[in-house]
Amino acid sequence: MKRHWIRRGLRFLLWATVAVAVFSLIVMCLWNWLLPSLFGWKLITFWQAAGLVILSRILFGGLHGHSGRHLHWRARMKERWEQMTPEERDKFRQGLRERCSRFEPPPAKPTA
């Protein structure tokens, strides 16, 4: 049983390393292709690109995982929808239309 967890941990570490390396290479290539010619910025190395990837993950993605969070919400909403009567569903739809219609321009009033 313990070997299973060690093997899974090593496999995760391997794939995480490969993912960071691939994203770093992509960032480095895009940076060195676009930014020096557009803005006159300096070229960056692979390790600087890896630092940018990790920094952007910390700043914009956080350090926690997001596995299954959206699927749980969807399943819960589907369950609630199935328990609604047709009248409740119509009322729910109408409420969504009213809330989302505030972003649409108001209808033109006829001038008399």
Protein backbone atom coordinates (compact mmCIF):
# COMPACT_ATOMS: atom_id res chain seq x y z
CA MET A 1 0.00 0.00 0.00
CA LYS A 2 2.81 2.39 0.85
CA ARG A 3 4.54 1.75 -2.48
CA HIS A 4 1.35 2.77 -4.27
CA TRP A 5 1.41 6.22 -2.65
CA ILE A 6 5.12 6.63 -3.26
CA ARG A 7 4.67 5.71 -6.92
CA ARG A 8 1.75 8.13 -7.27
CA GLY A 9 3.76 10.89 -5.62
CA LEU A 10 6.73 10.33 -7.90
CA ARG A 11 4.46 10.24 -10.95
CA PHE A 12 2.83 13.51 -9.88
CA LEU A 13 6.22 15.12 -9.29
CA LEU A 14 7.40 13.99 -12.72
CA TRP A 15 4.33 15.36 -14.52
CA ALA A 16 4.43 18.63 -12.56
CA THR A 17 8.08 19.08 -13.53
CA VAL A 18 7.32 18.34 -17.18
CA ALA A 19 4.36 20.77 -17.13
CA VAL A 20 6.43 23.59 -15.63
CA ALA A 21 9.22 22.92 -18.13
CA VAL A 22 6.84 22.96 -21.12
CA PHE A 23 5.04 26.12 -19.97
CA SER A 24 8.38 27.78 -19.25
CA LEU A 25 9.61 26.95 -22.74
CA ILE A 26 6.41 28.33 -24.28
CA VAL A 27 6.63 31.53 -22.20
CA MET A 28 10.31 31.96 -23.09
CA CYS A 29 9.71 31.46 -26.81
CA LEU A 30 6.72 33.82 -26.91
CA TRP A 31 8.47 36.46 -24.82
CA ASN A 32 11.66 36.35 -26.90
CA TRP A 33 9.68 36.37 -30.14
CA LEU A 34 7.28 39.22 -29.35
CA LEU A 35 8.41 41.56 -26.62
CA PRO A 36 11.90 42.54 -27.81
CA SER A 37 10.61 43.49 -31.25
CA LEU A 38 7.45 45.21 -29.98
CA PHE A 39 8.71 47.03 -26.90
CA GLY A 40 12.50 46.73 -27.03
CA TRP A 41 12.65 44.59 -23.89
CA LYS A 42 15.51 42.16 -23.25
CA LEU A 43 15.49 38.45 -24.02
CA ILE A 44 14.86 36.11 -21.09
CA THR A 45 16.38 32.75 -20.20
CA PHE A 46 14.57 29.49 -19.54
CA TRP A 47 14.93 29.93 -15.77
CA GLN A 48 13.52 33.45 -15.89
CA ALA A 49 10.55 32.11 -17.86
CA ALA A 50 10.11 29.35 -15.25
CA GLY A 51 10.10 32.02 -12.56
CA LEU A 52 7.44 33.96 -14.47
CA VAL A 53 5.28 30.82 -14.79
CA ILE A 54 5.54 30.08 -11.08
CA LEU A 55 4.99 33.71 -10.10
CA SER A 56 1.91 34.01 -12.30
CA ARG A 57 0.52 30.80 -10.79
CA ILE A 58 1.00 32.19 -7.29
CA LEU A 59 -0.44 35.62 -8.11
CA PHE A 60 -3.34 34.62 -10.36
CA GLY A 61 -4.06 30.97 -9.67
CA GLY A 62 -3.29 30.53 -6.00
CA LEU A 63 -1.54 27.56 -4.50
CA HIS A 64 -4.58 25.38 -3.91
CA GLY A 65 -6.12 22.90 -6.33
CA HIS A 66 -9.42 23.45 -8.07
CA SER A 67 -10.32 19.84 -8.75
CA GLY A 68 -14.02 19.15 -9.08
CA ARG A 69 -15.28 22.43 -7.65
CA HIS A 70 -17.27 23.39 -10.75
CA LEU A 71 -18.61 19.89 -11.27
CA HIS A 72 -19.99 19.83 -7.73
CA TRP A 73 -21.87 23.09 -8.32
CA ARG A 74 -23.30 21.81 -11.58
CA ALA A 75 -24.51 18.54 -10.04
CA ARG A 76 -26.10 20.40 -7.13
CA MET A 77 -27.87 22.82 -9.50
CA LYS A 78 -29.11 19.95 -11.67
CA GLU A 79 -30.54 18.21 -8.60
CA ARG A 80 -32.33 21.38 -7.52
CA TRP A 81 -33.68 21.92 -11.05
CA GLU A 82 -35.10 18.40 -11.19
CA GLN A 83 -36.93 18.96 -7.90
CA MET A 84 -38.64 22.14 -9.14
CA THR A 85 -42.17 22.16 -10.46
CA PRO A 86 -42.77 23.60 -13.96
CA GLU A 87 -44.14 26.79 -12.36
CA GLU A 88 -41.01 27.18 -10.20
CA ARG A 89 -38.82 26.67 -13.27
CA ASP A 90 -40.70 29.37 -15.19
CA LYS A 91 -40.39 31.73 -12.21
CA PHE A 92 -36.65 30.99 -12.00
CA ARG A 93 -36.17 31.64 -15.73
CA GLN A 94 -38.09 34.90 -15.48
CA GLY A 95 -35.94 36.01 -12.55
CA LEU A 96 -32.79 35.31 -14.57
CA ARG A 97 -34.16 37.28 -17.51
CA GLU A 98 -34.93 40.24 -15.27
CA ARG A 99 -31.50 40.19 -13.64
CA CYS A 100 -29.60 39.77 -16.89
CA SER A 101 -31.67 42.22 -18.90
CA ARG A 102 -30.28 45.15 -16.92
CA PHE A 103 -27.21 44.96 -19.12
CA GLU A 104 -29.27 45.40 -22.27
CA PRO A 105 -30.20 48.91 -23.37
CA PRO A 106 -33.70 49.90 -22.26
CA PRO A 107 -36.36 49.77 -24.94
CA ALA A 108 -36.96 53.04 -26.76
CA LYS A 109 -40.02 54.91 -25.58
CA PRO A 110 -42.38 56.08 -28.31
CA THR A 111 -42.51 59.85 -28.67
CA ALA A 112 -45.93 61.42 -28.91
